[in-house]
Each structure stands twice: as structure tokens, then as C-alpha cells.
Amino acid sequence: MSDTLRAHDLVIIVLPVALLAVLPWLLASAGSEPSEYRDHRTGRDMTAPAWVGVLVFALPFIVWAAMKAWNRAAKPVAATVGPGGVRLFPEIGGLYLRGETPAVDLPWSEVRRLVLWRRRKRWLGFLPGRETRVGVERTDDWYQVSRREPTPKELASLGHRKDGSPVRLGSMLHTRSVKLTPKAARHLAKSVARYAMGIDFTDERTPGKAHPVEPLEPRT
């Protein structure tokens, strides 16, 4: 099973496509008059045509969007579920590319439940944001390294740990989670219901409103 397209990535992909469409006009408008640029690696000034500056600015955005679109079209495997257990594969660099080594590879006998949750993070280091993830709680998990169960205060907490995981959930959940959209999680829930009917798949994105992840049925 692969991940689905995230809404904000649709914007990230569309904007560079628009930039690519107007790039010839931008290059022509910049002209070929020589301009001075500073090489930040060497600290030296260099002379190049004015259109080079436009290309240096636009090219990284176009390449980044192209990599996202290419990887999304390739549909790398994000999760596999079968009679033997569940495997979750980590995303690499936010580019829809998935690692070959699973972050989670467990038989059903060791799985307590699957959890859909949100991780708090900061885009570009300062913009607040959230990332939807799917993780696995093991049957032998403790809430913390030194304590098996959370306190009532921790269960009701709205706070987050340094890794962005909610305090109300176990501290090990983050290490056994991968980025996955809610829609992809519903596809995953369908497979879990088929191969592991006794395993809960819980939506914990909203504090105090935990509920089962509803399997996504095919359109008729």
C-alpha cells in the first residue's frame, strides 16, 4: 500500500509548474547583461549574465517539485499488511520516497494496536505545523522507560514531548511510526480488518475523541 497525495504538496507541485511555464519569459526579461554575484562558498565575486540569477533561484524549486511528483507517481510501498503481521516503511526527506528497511516489522502477536496520530513540528524551523502519522503500540510497551502506565493527568494532557508526540500517548509510539495521510490510513484499516480482526486501529488525532479508523470501501 502506498501513501496518498497530501493537500499542501499539491500546492507545492502546482506552483513550480506555473513557475516553469513563465520561466522563459523571466529569463528573457532578465536579459544577458553581465551582473556580479557573490559565491557564498568562496566569498569571491563573479560575473555572469543576469538570467543566471533567475535560473539559480527557480531551478531548486522546480527540481524539488519534480522529485515529489516523480516519487508520488511511482507509488513506493508505505505499508504492508498480511497474515504474518505489519510492516511500515519510513518516508525519506518528505519526497514520498520510502526506505527499504521498515521502521516497523512485527507479527500480529506482538501488536497491541495501530494508532493514527498527529505529530507537532515546525516547517523551515519556525512555522508551526502538524504531520499525520501511523504507528504501532506493542503488547509489551510501557508508557515510559521507567513506568508502565500513564497517570490520569498525563492521559488528559494536551502537551507534546520534544519529539512532537502527544504526552497522552506512549513515549515509544514515535519511534514506531511513519508519515501517512488519513486517507491512506483508511486503506490500511481495510487490510488490518481483513488479516487481524482482533487488532484495534484507533484514530487519536483529537484529544478526548479517540475512535476506530473507518476502513475505506471502494467506490461503487
Protein backbone atom coordinates (compact mmCIF):
# COMPACT_ATOMS: atom_id res chain seq x y z
CA MET A 1 0.00 0.00 0.00
CA SER A 2 1.31 3.47 -0.95
CA ASP A 3 0.63 6.87 0.56
CA THR A 4 -1.85 9.32 -0.97
CA LEU A 5 -1.20 12.89 -2.10
CA ARG A 6 -1.17 15.45 0.69
CA ALA A 7 -3.14 18.67 0.13
CA HIS A 8 -0.20 21.00 0.82
CA ASP A 9 2.01 19.01 -1.55
CA LEU A 10 -0.48 19.62 -4.34
CA VAL A 11 0.19 23.35 -3.93
CA ILE A 12 3.95 22.74 -3.72
CA ILE A 13 3.83 20.83 -7.01
CA VAL A 14 1.47 23.19 -8.86
CA LEU A 15 3.37 26.41 -8.05
CA PRO A 16 6.70 25.26 -9.56
CA VAL A 17 4.82 24.03 -12.63
CA ALA A 18 3.44 27.56 -13.02
CA LEU A 19 6.95 28.92 -12.45
CA LEU A 20 8.28 26.61 -15.16
CA ALA A 21 5.64 27.93 -17.57
CA VAL A 22 6.74 31.55 -17.12
CA LEU A 23 10.46 30.79 -16.78
CA PRO A 24 11.30 31.55 -20.44
CA TRP A 25 9.68 34.98 -20.06
CA LEU A 26 11.56 35.61 -16.80
CA LEU A 27 14.87 34.65 -18.40
CA ALA A 28 14.21 36.85 -21.40
CA SER A 29 13.20 39.77 -19.17
CA ALA A 30 16.37 39.42 -17.09
CA GLY A 31 18.47 39.78 -20.22
CA SER A 32 22.07 38.82 -20.79
CA GLU A 33 23.76 41.91 -19.38
CA PRO A 34 26.65 40.92 -17.11
CA SER A 35 25.90 41.09 -13.38
CA GLU A 36 28.05 40.48 -10.34
CA TYR A 37 27.26 37.64 -7.93
CA ARG A 38 28.96 36.58 -4.72
CA ASP A 39 29.91 32.93 -4.36
CA HIS A 40 28.89 32.13 -0.76
CA ARG A 41 31.23 29.13 -0.64
CA THR A 42 34.38 31.01 -1.59
CA GLY A 43 33.35 34.57 -0.74
CA ARG A 44 34.52 35.76 -4.17
CA ASP A 45 32.61 37.96 -6.59
CA MET A 46 31.87 36.56 -10.02
CA THR A 47 30.36 37.94 -13.21
CA ALA A 48 27.59 36.14 -15.12
CA PRO A 49 24.63 37.04 -17.35
CA ALA A 50 21.62 38.40 -15.44
CA TRP A 51 19.44 35.43 -16.44
CA VAL A 52 21.72 33.10 -14.45
CA GLY A 53 20.43 34.65 -11.21
CA VAL A 54 16.84 33.88 -12.21
CA LEU A 55 17.76 30.30 -13.09
CA VAL A 56 19.66 29.74 -9.83
CA PHE A 57 16.60 30.95 -7.88
CA ALA A 58 13.98 28.96 -9.82
CA LEU A 59 15.77 25.68 -10.51
CA PRO A 60 15.81 24.25 -6.93
CA PHE A 61 12.03 24.73 -6.57
CA ILE A 62 11.36 23.08 -9.92
CA VAL A 63 13.67 20.11 -9.21
CA TRP A 64 12.20 19.65 -5.70
CA ALA A 65 8.64 19.59 -7.04
CA ALA A 66 9.65 17.24 -9.86
CA MET A 67 11.17 14.79 -7.36
CA LYS A 68 8.00 14.85 -5.27
CA ALA A 69 5.78 14.29 -8.32
CA TRP A 70 8.01 11.51 -9.67
CA ASN A 71 8.12 9.61 -6.40
CA ARG A 72 4.39 10.03 -5.84
CA ALA A 73 3.68 8.65 -9.33
CA ALA A 74 5.96 5.68 -8.61
CA LYS A 75 3.83 4.85 -5.52
CA PRO A 76 6.53 3.39 -3.27
CA VAL A 77 5.25 0.97 -0.63
CA ALA A 78 4.49 2.72 2.67
CA ALA A 79 2.93 -0.24 4.49
CA THR A 80 2.30 -3.93 4.02
CA VAL A 81 -0.23 -5.99 5.95
CA GLY A 82 -0.75 -9.73 5.75
CA PRO A 83 -1.44 -12.83 7.81
CA GLY A 84 2.08 -12.68 9.25
CA GLY A 85 1.98 -9.12 10.57
CA VAL A 86 2.53 -5.47 9.66
CA ARG A 87 5.43 -3.51 8.19
CA LEU A 88 5.69 0.28 7.98
CA PHE A 89 8.32 1.98 5.81
CA PRO A 90 9.71 5.45 6.68
CA GLU A 91 9.49 8.34 4.25
CA ILE A 92 12.78 9.90 3.12
CA GLY A 93 13.13 13.68 3.03
CA GLY A 94 9.42 14.44 2.65
CA LEU A 95 9.64 13.35 -1.00
CA TYR A 96 7.23 10.36 -0.92
CA LEU A 97 10.27 8.09 -1.32
CA ARG A 98 10.27 5.20 1.16
CA GLY A 99 13.20 3.45 2.77
CA GLU A 100 13.88 -0.20 2.02
CA THR A 101 14.29 -1.09 5.69
CA PRO A 102 10.97 -0.99 7.59
CA ALA A 103 10.65 1.16 10.70
CA VAL A 104 8.14 -1.41 11.96
CA ASP A 105 8.20 -5.14 11.23
CA LEU A 106 6.09 -7.03 13.76
CA PRO A 107 3.95 -10.16 13.87
CA TRP A 108 0.36 -9.66 14.99
CA SER A 109 1.11 -11.48 18.24
CA GLU A 110 3.30 -8.53 19.30
CA VAL A 111 0.89 -5.77 18.22
CA ARG A 112 -1.44 -4.23 20.80
CA ARG A 113 -2.99 -1.71 18.42
CA LEU A 114 -2.30 0.64 15.50
CA VAL A 115 -2.65 4.38 16.07
CA LEU A 116 -3.37 7.28 13.72
CA TRP A 117 -1.99 10.42 15.36
CA ARG A 118 -0.59 13.88 14.71
CA ARG A 119 2.97 14.95 15.38
CA ARG A 120 3.66 18.60 16.14
CA LYS A 121 6.53 20.01 14.07
CA ARG A 122 7.91 23.26 12.66
CA TRP A 123 8.25 23.91 8.95
CA LEU A 124 11.52 25.62 8.00
CA GLY A 125 12.41 25.56 11.68
CA PHE A 126 9.86 28.16 12.84
CA LEU A 127 6.44 27.75 11.15
CA PRO A 128 4.11 25.63 13.33
CA GLY A 129 2.61 22.61 11.63
CA ARG A 130 1.37 19.06 12.13
CA GLU A 131 2.18 15.78 10.47
CA THR A 132 -0.21 12.83 10.35
CA ARG A 133 1.44 9.51 11.20
CA VAL A 134 0.52 5.88 11.75
CA GLY A 135 2.29 3.93 14.47
CA VAL A 136 2.20 0.64 16.34
CA GLU A 137 1.91 0.02 20.07
CA ARG A 138 3.43 -3.29 21.13
CA THR A 139 1.86 -5.61 23.67
CA ASP A 140 4.86 -5.17 25.99
CA ASP A 141 5.14 -1.37 25.65
CA TRP A 142 5.50 0.77 28.75
CA TYR A 143 4.27 4.36 28.84
CA GLN A 144 7.81 5.43 29.71
CA VAL A 145 11.06 3.54 30.17
CA SER A 146 10.59 3.51 33.95
CA ARG A 147 6.78 3.29 34.15
CA ARG A 148 4.22 1.01 32.53
CA GLU A 149 1.04 3.12 32.84
CA PRO A 150 0.39 6.88 32.44
CA THR A 151 -1.17 8.95 35.20
CA PRO A 152 -4.69 10.42 34.79
CA LYS A 153 -3.03 13.84 34.35
CA GLU A 154 -0.87 12.54 31.51
CA LEU A 155 -3.84 10.90 29.80
CA ALA A 156 -5.69 14.23 29.86
CA SER A 157 -2.65 16.30 28.85
CA LEU A 158 -2.71 18.46 25.71
CA GLY A 159 1.07 18.85 25.78
CA HIS A 160 3.73 17.42 23.49
CA ARG A 161 7.18 15.94 24.00
CA LYS A 162 10.33 17.28 22.36
CA ASP A 163 9.89 14.80 19.50
CA GLY A 164 6.43 16.24 18.79
CA SER A 165 4.44 13.26 20.09
CA PRO A 166 1.45 13.87 22.41
CA VAL A 167 2.08 13.31 26.13
CA ARG A 168 -1.21 11.37 26.38
CA LEU A 169 0.23 8.61 24.13
CA GLY A 170 3.12 6.27 24.92
CA SER A 171 6.66 7.57 24.54
CA MET A 172 7.66 4.70 22.22
CA LEU A 173 4.95 5.40 19.63
CA HIS A 174 7.02 7.96 17.74
CA THR A 175 9.87 5.53 17.10
CA ARG A 176 7.44 3.03 15.56
CA SER A 177 5.55 5.46 13.35
CA VAL A 178 5.75 6.64 9.75
CA LYS A 179 4.19 9.54 7.90
CA LEU A 180 0.87 8.55 6.32
CA THR A 181 -2.19 10.51 5.23
CA PRO A 182 -5.60 9.86 6.84
CA LYS A 183 -6.93 8.54 3.52
CA ALA A 184 -4.07 6.05 3.23
CA ALA A 185 -4.70 5.06 6.86
CA ARG A 186 -8.27 4.14 5.93
CA HIS A 187 -6.94 1.90 3.14
CA LEU A 188 -4.61 0.36 5.72
CA ALA A 189 -7.54 -0.15 8.11
CA LYS A 190 -9.30 -2.25 5.49
CA SER A 191 -6.33 -4.62 5.32
CA VAL A 192 -5.99 -4.74 9.11
CA ALA A 193 -9.67 -5.68 9.42
CA ARG A 194 -9.09 -8.48 6.91
CA TYR A 195 -5.95 -10.02 8.37
CA ALA A 196 -6.11 -9.07 12.06
CA MET A 197 -9.71 -8.65 13.20
CA GLY A 198 -8.70 -8.64 16.86
CA ILE A 199 -6.30 -5.68 16.48
CA ASP A 200 -7.68 -2.18 17.09
CA PHE A 201 -6.76 0.68 14.74
CA THR A 202 -7.53 3.88 16.67
CA ASP A 203 -7.72 7.48 15.48
CA GLU A 204 -6.04 9.50 18.26
CA ARG A 205 -5.62 12.76 16.33
CA THR A 206 -8.06 14.71 18.51
CA PRO A 207 -7.61 14.61 22.31
CA GLY A 208 -10.58 13.06 24.09
CA LYS A 209 -12.19 11.89 20.84
CA ALA A 210 -10.49 8.59 20.09
CA HIS A 211 -12.43 6.37 17.69
CA PRO A 212 -11.75 3.46 15.31
CA VAL A 213 -10.27 4.29 11.91
CA GLU A 214 -13.02 3.57 9.41
CA PRO A 215 -11.91 1.31 6.53
CA LEU A 216 -12.17 2.96 3.13
CA GLU A 217 -14.51 0.98 0.92
CA PRO A 218 -14.11 1.03 -2.87
CA ARG A 219 -16.46 3.26 -4.82
CA THR A 220 -19.38 1.60 -6.49
